[in-house]
Amino acid sequence: MRSKLWLIAGIALLSAAALLAASQTWVSLELVPGAAAFELLAASGQQLNAALTAIALAGFAAALALTIAGPGFRRVLGVLVVLFGAGIAGVAISVLADPEGAASGRLAEATGIAGDAQSAMVDRVATTPFIMLALVCGALLAVLGALVLVLGGRWRAAGRKYAAREDRGPAVGGDGRPDPGLDRFSDWDRLSEGGDPTSSD
């Protein structure tokens, strides 16, 4: 059970960290003086790829679902967490590989200029550590998802603590035989009819 708590907490925290990283500036473009009405354009992770926010929120939702999921569904969630982590890491890697290209859409929105003409506008491109934070979060999420696949089948089901009640068998009457009338539902019925559920009748 300790592995369950650590893995669920880890998935939730990493998803939250990835969401935070996506909301921060990833790429800054310093433009040639006079090329536009501004000289610096900053683009956050979610502006570069809107799917980042959705993926991070989905990872957090998967962590919540793991608290109540059965063995089969845990495996499905484990696969999904692996895919979420790989998706976040993949976006971060693509931005690191070509930050100017990744920010081209954002630059086009701000200036109305697209295509090869953008290259003449950009003087310098800088990236921030938040890309690496997203990359690390994505990679670790994928690892934790794989661990859910391996360890999730050993976790105790959430409803198992109620099994002991079911194993006690049916309620019994005064003669020791099962009495289906002695349950909380029939008690409520008798009370609603004006009777006394504590009486033996």
C-alpha atoms as a PDB file:
ATOM      1  CA  MET A   1       0.000   0.000   0.000  1.00  0.00           C
ATOM      2  CA  ARG A   2       2.931   2.342   0.606  1.00  0.00           C
ATOM      3  CA  SER A   3       3.955   2.070  -3.046  1.00  0.00           C
ATOM      4  CA  LYS A   4       0.407   3.057  -4.040  1.00  0.00           C
ATOM      5  CA  LEU A   5       0.519   6.227  -1.949  1.00  0.00           C
ATOM      6  CA  TRP A   6       3.951   7.233  -3.213  1.00  0.00           C
ATOM      7  CA  LEU A   7       3.113   6.599  -6.858  1.00  0.00           C
ATOM      8  CA  ILE A   8      -0.219   8.426  -6.744  1.00  0.00           C
ATOM      9  CA  ALA A   9       1.330  11.371  -4.916  1.00  0.00           C
ATOM     10  CA  GLY A  10       4.240  11.422  -7.368  1.00  0.00           C
ATOM     11  CA  ILE A  11       1.956  11.420 -10.418  1.00  0.00           C
ATOM     12  CA  ALA A  12      -0.159  14.228  -8.953  1.00  0.00           C
ATOM     13  CA  LEU A  13       2.854  16.368  -8.037  1.00  0.00           C
ATOM     14  CA  LEU A  14       4.626  15.853 -11.347  1.00  0.00           C
ATOM     15  CA  SER A  15       1.444  16.694 -13.245  1.00  0.00           C
ATOM     16  CA  ALA A  16       1.063  19.875 -11.200  1.00  0.00           C
ATOM     17  CA  ALA A  17       4.721  20.768 -11.819  1.00  0.00           C
ATOM     18  CA  ALA A  18       4.305  20.163 -15.559  1.00  0.00           C
ATOM     19  CA  LEU A  19       1.228  22.395 -15.560  1.00  0.00           C
ATOM     20  CA  LEU A  20       3.191  25.110 -13.771  1.00  0.00           C
ATOM     21  CA  ALA A  21       6.082  24.776 -16.216  1.00  0.00           C
ATOM     22  CA  ALA A  22       3.701  25.009 -19.179  1.00  0.00           C
ATOM     23  CA  SER A  23       2.331  28.316 -17.899  1.00  0.00           C
ATOM     24  CA  GLN A  24       5.789  29.913 -17.781  1.00  0.00           C
ATOM     25  CA  THR A  25       7.896  31.444 -20.549  1.00  0.00           C
ATOM     26  CA  TRP A  26       9.765  28.867 -22.612  1.00  0.00           C
ATOM     27  CA  VAL A  27      11.093  30.908 -25.531  1.00  0.00           C
ATOM     28  CA  SER A  28      11.996  34.592 -25.887  1.00  0.00           C
ATOM     29  CA  LEU A  29      12.515  36.139 -29.293  1.00  0.00           C
ATOM     30  CA  GLU A  30      14.522  39.340 -29.528  1.00  0.00           C
ATOM     31  CA  LEU A  31      13.525  41.100 -32.730  1.00  0.00           C
ATOM     32  CA  VAL A  32      15.589  43.303 -34.997  1.00  0.00           C
ATOM     33  CA  PRO A  33      15.029  46.969 -34.073  1.00  0.00           C
ATOM     34  CA  GLY A  34      12.270  48.426 -36.202  1.00  0.00           C
ATOM     35  CA  ALA A  35      11.027  45.038 -37.413  1.00  0.00           C
ATOM     36  CA  ALA A  36       7.889  45.319 -35.286  1.00  0.00           C
ATOM     37  CA  ALA A  37       6.206  47.554 -32.740  1.00  0.00           C
ATOM     38  CA  PHE A  38       7.960  45.608 -30.006  1.00  0.00           C
ATOM     39  CA  GLU A  39      11.466  44.229 -29.629  1.00  0.00           C
ATOM     40  CA  LEU A  40      10.888  41.202 -27.373  1.00  0.00           C
ATOM     41  CA  LEU A  41       8.315  38.450 -27.693  1.00  0.00           C
ATOM     42  CA  ALA A  42       7.895  35.834 -24.961  1.00  0.00           C
ATOM     43  CA  ALA A  43       6.016  32.558 -25.473  1.00  0.00           C
ATOM     44  CA  SER A  44       4.923  30.202 -22.714  1.00  0.00           C
ATOM     45  CA  GLY A  45       4.801  26.451 -23.081  1.00  0.00           C
ATOM     46  CA  GLN A  46       1.031  26.383 -23.433  1.00  0.00           C
ATOM     47  CA  GLN A  47       1.203  29.118 -26.071  1.00  0.00           C
ATOM     48  CA  LEU A  48       3.658  27.007 -28.021  1.00  0.00           C
ATOM     49  CA  ASN A  49       1.531  23.887 -27.648  1.00  0.00           C
ATOM     50  CA  ALA A  50      -1.954  24.139 -26.144  1.00  0.00           C
ATOM     51  CA  ALA A  51      -2.062  20.382 -25.562  1.00  0.00           C
ATOM     52  CA  LEU A  52       0.412  20.690 -22.678  1.00  0.00           C
ATOM     53  CA  THR A  53      -2.219  22.026 -20.282  1.00  0.00           C
ATOM     54  CA  ALA A  54      -4.716  19.322 -21.203  1.00  0.00           C
ATOM     55  CA  ILE A  55      -2.122  16.557 -20.820  1.00  0.00           C
ATOM     56  CA  ALA A  56      -0.972  17.812 -17.414  1.00  0.00           C
ATOM     57  CA  LEU A  57      -4.569  18.042 -16.163  1.00  0.00           C
ATOM     58  CA  ALA A  58      -5.246  14.555 -17.492  1.00  0.00           C
ATOM     59  CA  GLY A  59      -2.255  13.265 -15.534  1.00  0.00           C
ATOM     60  CA  PHE A  60      -3.638  14.809 -12.364  1.00  0.00           C
ATOM     61  CA  ALA A  61      -7.041  13.258 -13.060  1.00  0.00           C
ATOM     62  CA  ALA A  62      -5.372   9.870 -13.562  1.00  0.00           C
ATOM     63  CA  ALA A  63      -3.768  10.174 -10.124  1.00  0.00           C
ATOM     64  CA  LEU A  64      -7.186  10.779  -8.568  1.00  0.00           C
ATOM     65  CA  ALA A  65      -8.699   7.851 -10.476  1.00  0.00           C
ATOM     66  CA  LEU A  66      -5.946   5.532  -9.238  1.00  0.00           C
ATOM     67  CA  THR A  67      -7.163   5.994  -5.655  1.00  0.00           C
ATOM     68  CA  ILE A  68     -10.343   4.029  -6.409  1.00  0.00           C
ATOM     69  CA  ALA A  69      -9.496   2.036  -9.544  1.00  0.00           C
ATOM     70  CA  GLY A  70      -9.605  -1.745  -9.638  1.00  0.00           C
ATOM     71  CA  PRO A  71      -6.692  -3.896 -10.859  1.00  0.00           C
ATOM     72  CA  GLY A  72      -7.695  -3.857 -14.535  1.00  0.00           C
ATOM     73  CA  PHE A  73      -8.371  -0.147 -14.709  1.00  0.00           C
ATOM     74  CA  ARG A  74      -5.074   0.564 -12.909  1.00  0.00           C
ATOM     75  CA  ARG A  75      -3.218  -0.974 -15.831  1.00  0.00           C
ATOM     76  CA  VAL A  76      -5.140   1.211 -18.255  1.00  0.00           C
ATOM     77  CA  LEU A  77      -4.330   4.276 -16.167  1.00  0.00           C
ATOM     78  CA  GLY A  78      -0.691   3.230 -15.975  1.00  0.00           C
ATOM     79  CA  VAL A  79      -0.485   3.105 -19.778  1.00  0.00           C
ATOM     80  CA  LEU A  80      -2.184   6.503 -20.003  1.00  0.00           C
ATOM     81  CA  VAL A  81       0.257   8.057 -17.532  1.00  0.00           C
ATOM     82  CA  VAL A  82       3.161   6.689 -19.577  1.00  0.00           C
ATOM     83  CA  LEU A  83       1.657   8.287 -22.683  1.00  0.00           C
ATOM     84  CA  PHE A  84       1.007  11.580 -20.866  1.00  0.00           C
ATOM     85  CA  GLY A  85       4.597  11.715 -19.665  1.00  0.00           C
ATOM     86  CA  ALA A  86       5.947  10.847 -23.100  1.00  0.00           C
ATOM     87  CA  GLY A  87       3.757  13.542 -24.650  1.00  0.00           C
ATOM     88  CA  ILE A  88       5.005  16.254 -22.287  1.00  0.00           C
ATOM     89  CA  ALA A  89       8.615  15.200 -22.748  1.00  0.00           C
ATOM     90  CA  GLY A  90       8.169  15.043 -26.523  1.00  0.00           C
ATOM     91  CA  VAL A  91       6.841  18.599 -26.699  1.00  0.00           C
ATOM     92  CA  ALA A  92       9.725  19.864 -24.553  1.00  0.00           C
ATOM     93  CA  ILE A  93      12.299  18.073 -26.730  1.00  0.00           C
ATOM     94  CA  SER A  94      10.799  19.496 -29.933  1.00  0.00           C
ATOM     95  CA  VAL A  95      10.947  23.040 -28.528  1.00  0.00           C
ATOM     96  CA  LEU A  96      14.539  22.571 -27.395  1.00  0.00           C
ATOM     97  CA  ALA A  97      15.489  21.253 -30.829  1.00  0.00           C
ATOM     98  CA  ASP A  98      14.024  24.248 -32.692  1.00  0.00           C
ATOM     99  CA  PRO A  99      12.872  27.052 -30.375  1.00  0.00           C
ATOM    100  CA  GLU A 100      12.511  29.602 -33.177  1.00  0.00           C
ATOM    101  CA  GLY A 101      10.405  27.228 -35.242  1.00  0.00           C
ATOM    102  CA  ALA A 102       8.288  26.367 -32.220  1.00  0.00           C
ATOM    103  CA  ALA A 103       7.604  30.067 -31.600  1.00  0.00           C
ATOM    104  CA  SER A 104       6.868  30.888 -35.247  1.00  0.00           C
ATOM    105  CA  GLY A 105       3.123  30.574 -34.738  1.00  0.00           C
ATOM    106  CA  ARG A 106       3.220  32.911 -31.765  1.00  0.00           C
ATOM    107  CA  LEU A 107       5.298  35.401 -33.763  1.00  0.00           C
ATOM    108  CA  ALA A 108       2.855  35.219 -36.654  1.00  0.00           C
ATOM    109  CA  GLU A 109      -0.044  35.979 -34.310  1.00  0.00           C
ATOM    110  CA  ALA A 110       1.761  39.007 -32.888  1.00  0.00           C
ATOM    111  CA  THR A 111       3.071  40.486 -36.137  1.00  0.00           C
ATOM    112  CA  GLY A 112       0.904  39.084 -38.914  1.00  0.00           C
ATOM    113  CA  ILE A 113       4.043  37.913 -40.696  1.00  0.00           C
ATOM    114  CA  ALA A 114       4.590  34.236 -41.405  1.00  0.00           C
ATOM    115  CA  GLY A 115       6.962  32.052 -43.363  1.00  0.00           C
ATOM    116  CA  ASP A 116      10.543  32.818 -44.295  1.00  0.00           C
ATOM    117  CA  ALA A 117      10.086  36.535 -43.633  1.00  0.00           C
ATOM    118  CA  GLN A 118      10.150  35.808 -39.910  1.00  0.00           C
ATOM    119  CA  SER A 119      13.816  34.802 -40.012  1.00  0.00           C
ATOM    120  CA  ALA A 120      14.824  38.313 -40.985  1.00  0.00           C
ATOM    121  CA  MET A 121      12.901  39.708 -38.023  1.00  0.00           C
ATOM    122  CA  VAL A 122      14.511  37.602 -35.303  1.00  0.00           C
ATOM    123  CA  ASP A 123      17.845  38.768 -33.941  1.00  0.00           C
ATOM    124  CA  ARG A 124      18.272  36.348 -31.060  1.00  0.00           C
ATOM    125  CA  VAL A 125      16.437  33.371 -29.556  1.00  0.00           C
ATOM    126  CA  ALA A 126      16.651  32.382 -25.893  1.00  0.00           C
ATOM    127  CA  THR A 127      15.119  29.496 -23.971  1.00  0.00           C
ATOM    128  CA  THR A 128      14.340  29.185 -20.252  1.00  0.00           C
ATOM    129  CA  PRO A 129      14.864  26.374 -17.718  1.00  0.00           C
ATOM    130  CA  PHE A 130      11.110  25.705 -17.643  1.00  0.00           C
ATOM    131  CA  ILE A 131      11.497  23.621 -20.790  1.00  0.00           C
ATOM    132  CA  MET A 132      13.875  21.316 -18.939  1.00  0.00           C
ATOM    133  CA  LEU A 133      11.487  21.211 -15.969  1.00  0.00           C
ATOM    134  CA  ALA A 134       8.704  20.032 -18.266  1.00  0.00           C
ATOM    135  CA  LEU A 135      11.045  17.491 -19.859  1.00  0.00           C
ATOM    136  CA  VAL A 136      12.044  16.047 -16.480  1.00  0.00           C
ATOM    137  CA  CYS A 137       8.433  15.964 -15.275  1.00  0.00           C
ATOM    138  CA  GLY A 138       7.350  14.176 -18.435  1.00  0.00           C
ATOM    139  CA  ALA A 139      10.131  11.594 -18.209  1.00  0.00           C
ATOM    140  CA  LEU A 140       9.404  10.895 -14.536  1.00  0.00           C
ATOM    141  CA  LEU A 141       5.676  10.625 -15.224  1.00  0.00           C
ATOM    142  CA  ALA A 142       6.402   7.961 -17.824  1.00  0.00           C
ATOM    143  CA  VAL A 143       8.527   6.066 -15.293  1.00  0.00           C
ATOM    144  CA  LEU A 144       5.818   6.248 -12.618  1.00  0.00           C
ATOM    145  CA  GLY A 145       3.212   5.088 -15.124  1.00  0.00           C
ATOM    146  CA  ALA A 146       5.367   2.060 -15.882  1.00  0.00           C
ATOM    147  CA  LEU A 147       5.653   1.354 -12.146  1.00  0.00           C
ATOM    148  CA  VAL A 148       1.863   1.475 -11.853  1.00  0.00           C
ATOM    149  CA  LEU A 149       1.728  -1.214 -14.535  1.00  0.00           C
ATOM    150  CA  VAL A 150       4.161  -3.385 -12.585  1.00  0.00           C
ATOM    151  CA  LEU A 151       2.961  -2.797  -9.021  1.00  0.00           C
ATOM    152  CA  GLY A 152      -0.676  -1.819  -9.454  1.00  0.00           C
ATOM    153  CA  GLY A 153      -1.954  -5.397  -9.493  1.00  0.00           C
ATOM    154  CA  ARG A 154      -0.678  -5.931  -5.941  1.00  0.00           C
ATOM    155  CA  TRP A 155      -2.617  -3.062  -4.412  1.00  0.00           C
ATOM    156  CA  ARG A 156      -5.588  -3.881  -2.246  1.00  0.00           C
ATOM    157  CA  ALA A 157      -8.924  -2.907  -3.733  1.00  0.00           C
ATOM    158  CA  ALA A 158     -10.573   0.135  -2.179  1.00  0.00           C
ATOM    159  CA  GLY A 159     -13.730  -1.781  -1.267  1.00  0.00           C
ATOM    160  CA  ARG A 160     -12.008  -4.776   0.279  1.00  0.00           C
ATOM    161  CA  LYS A 161     -12.319  -3.426   3.812  1.00  0.00           C
ATOM    162  CA  TYR A 162     -16.038  -3.947   3.520  1.00  0.00           C
ATOM    163  CA  ALA A 163     -15.672  -7.604   2.626  1.00  0.00           C
ATOM    164  CA  ALA A 164     -15.678  -8.622   6.289  1.00  0.00           C
ATOM    165  CA  ARG A 165     -19.217  -7.319   6.673  1.00  0.00           C
ATOM    166  CA  GLU A 166     -20.373  -9.363   3.727  1.00  0.00           C
ATOM    167  CA  ASP A 167     -18.669 -12.471   5.149  1.00  0.00           C
ATOM    168  CA  ARG A 168     -20.643 -12.273   8.368  1.00  0.00           C
ATOM    169  CA  GLY A 169     -23.653 -13.689   6.585  1.00  0.00           C
ATOM    170  CA  PRO A 170     -27.283 -12.679   6.920  1.00  0.00           C
ATOM    171  CA  ALA A 171     -28.796 -11.313  10.095  1.00  0.00           C
ATOM    172  CA  VAL A 172     -30.290 -13.910  12.432  1.00  0.00           C
ATOM    173  CA  GLY A 173     -33.418 -13.849  14.534  1.00  0.00           C
ATOM    174  CA  GLY A 174     -33.931 -14.934  18.109  1.00  0.00           C
ATOM    175  CA  ASP A 175     -34.076 -18.601  17.154  1.00  0.00           C
ATOM    176  CA  GLY A 176     -30.668 -18.444  15.495  1.00  0.00           C
ATOM    177  CA  ARG A 177     -32.014 -18.831  11.971  1.00  0.00           C
ATOM    178  CA  PRO A 178     -31.400 -16.242   9.233  1.00  0.00           C
ATOM    179  CA  ASP A 179     -33.965 -13.490   9.379  1.00  0.00           C
ATOM    180  CA  PRO A 180     -34.018 -11.333   6.252  1.00  0.00           C
ATOM    181  CA  GLY A 181     -36.294  -8.930   8.053  1.00  0.00           C
ATOM    182  CA  LEU A 182     -33.542  -7.875  10.445  1.00  0.00           C
ATOM    183  CA  ASP A 183     -31.729  -5.384   8.276  1.00  0.00           C
ATOM    184  CA  ARG A 184     -31.492  -1.650   8.205  1.00  0.00           C
ATOM    185  CA  PHE A 185     -33.800  -1.348   5.217  1.00  0.00           C
ATOM    186  CA  SER A 186     -36.683  -3.164   6.873  1.00  0.00           C
ATOM    187  CA  ASP A 187     -36.062  -1.091  10.015  1.00  0.00           C
ATOM    188  CA  TRP A 188     -36.547   2.077   8.031  1.00  0.00           C
ATOM    189  CA  ASP A 189     -39.703   0.641   6.453  1.00  0.00           C
ATOM    190  CA  ARG A 190     -41.175  -0.189   9.848  1.00  0.00           C
ATOM    191  CA  LEU A 191     -40.272   3.234  11.211  1.00  0.00           C
ATOM    192  CA  SER A 192     -41.892   5.010   8.257  1.00  0.00           C
ATOM    193  CA  GLU A 193     -45.069   2.987   8.839  1.00  0.00           C
ATOM    194  CA  GLY A 194     -45.210   4.142  12.455  1.00  0.00           C
ATOM    195  CA  GLY A 195     -43.868   0.924  13.922  1.00  0.00           C
ATOM    196  CA  ASP A 196     -41.032   0.384  16.391  1.00  0.00           C
ATOM    197  CA  PRO A 197     -38.032  -1.269  14.697  1.00  0.00           C
ATOM    198  CA  THR A 198     -36.645  -2.290  18.111  1.00  0.00           C
ATOM    199  CA  SER A 199     -39.678  -4.375  19.006  1.00  0.00           C
ATOM    200  CA  SER A 200     -39.518  -8.116  18.452  1.00  0.00           C
ATOM    201  CA  ASP A 201     -43.145  -8.456  17.246  1.00  0.00           C
END
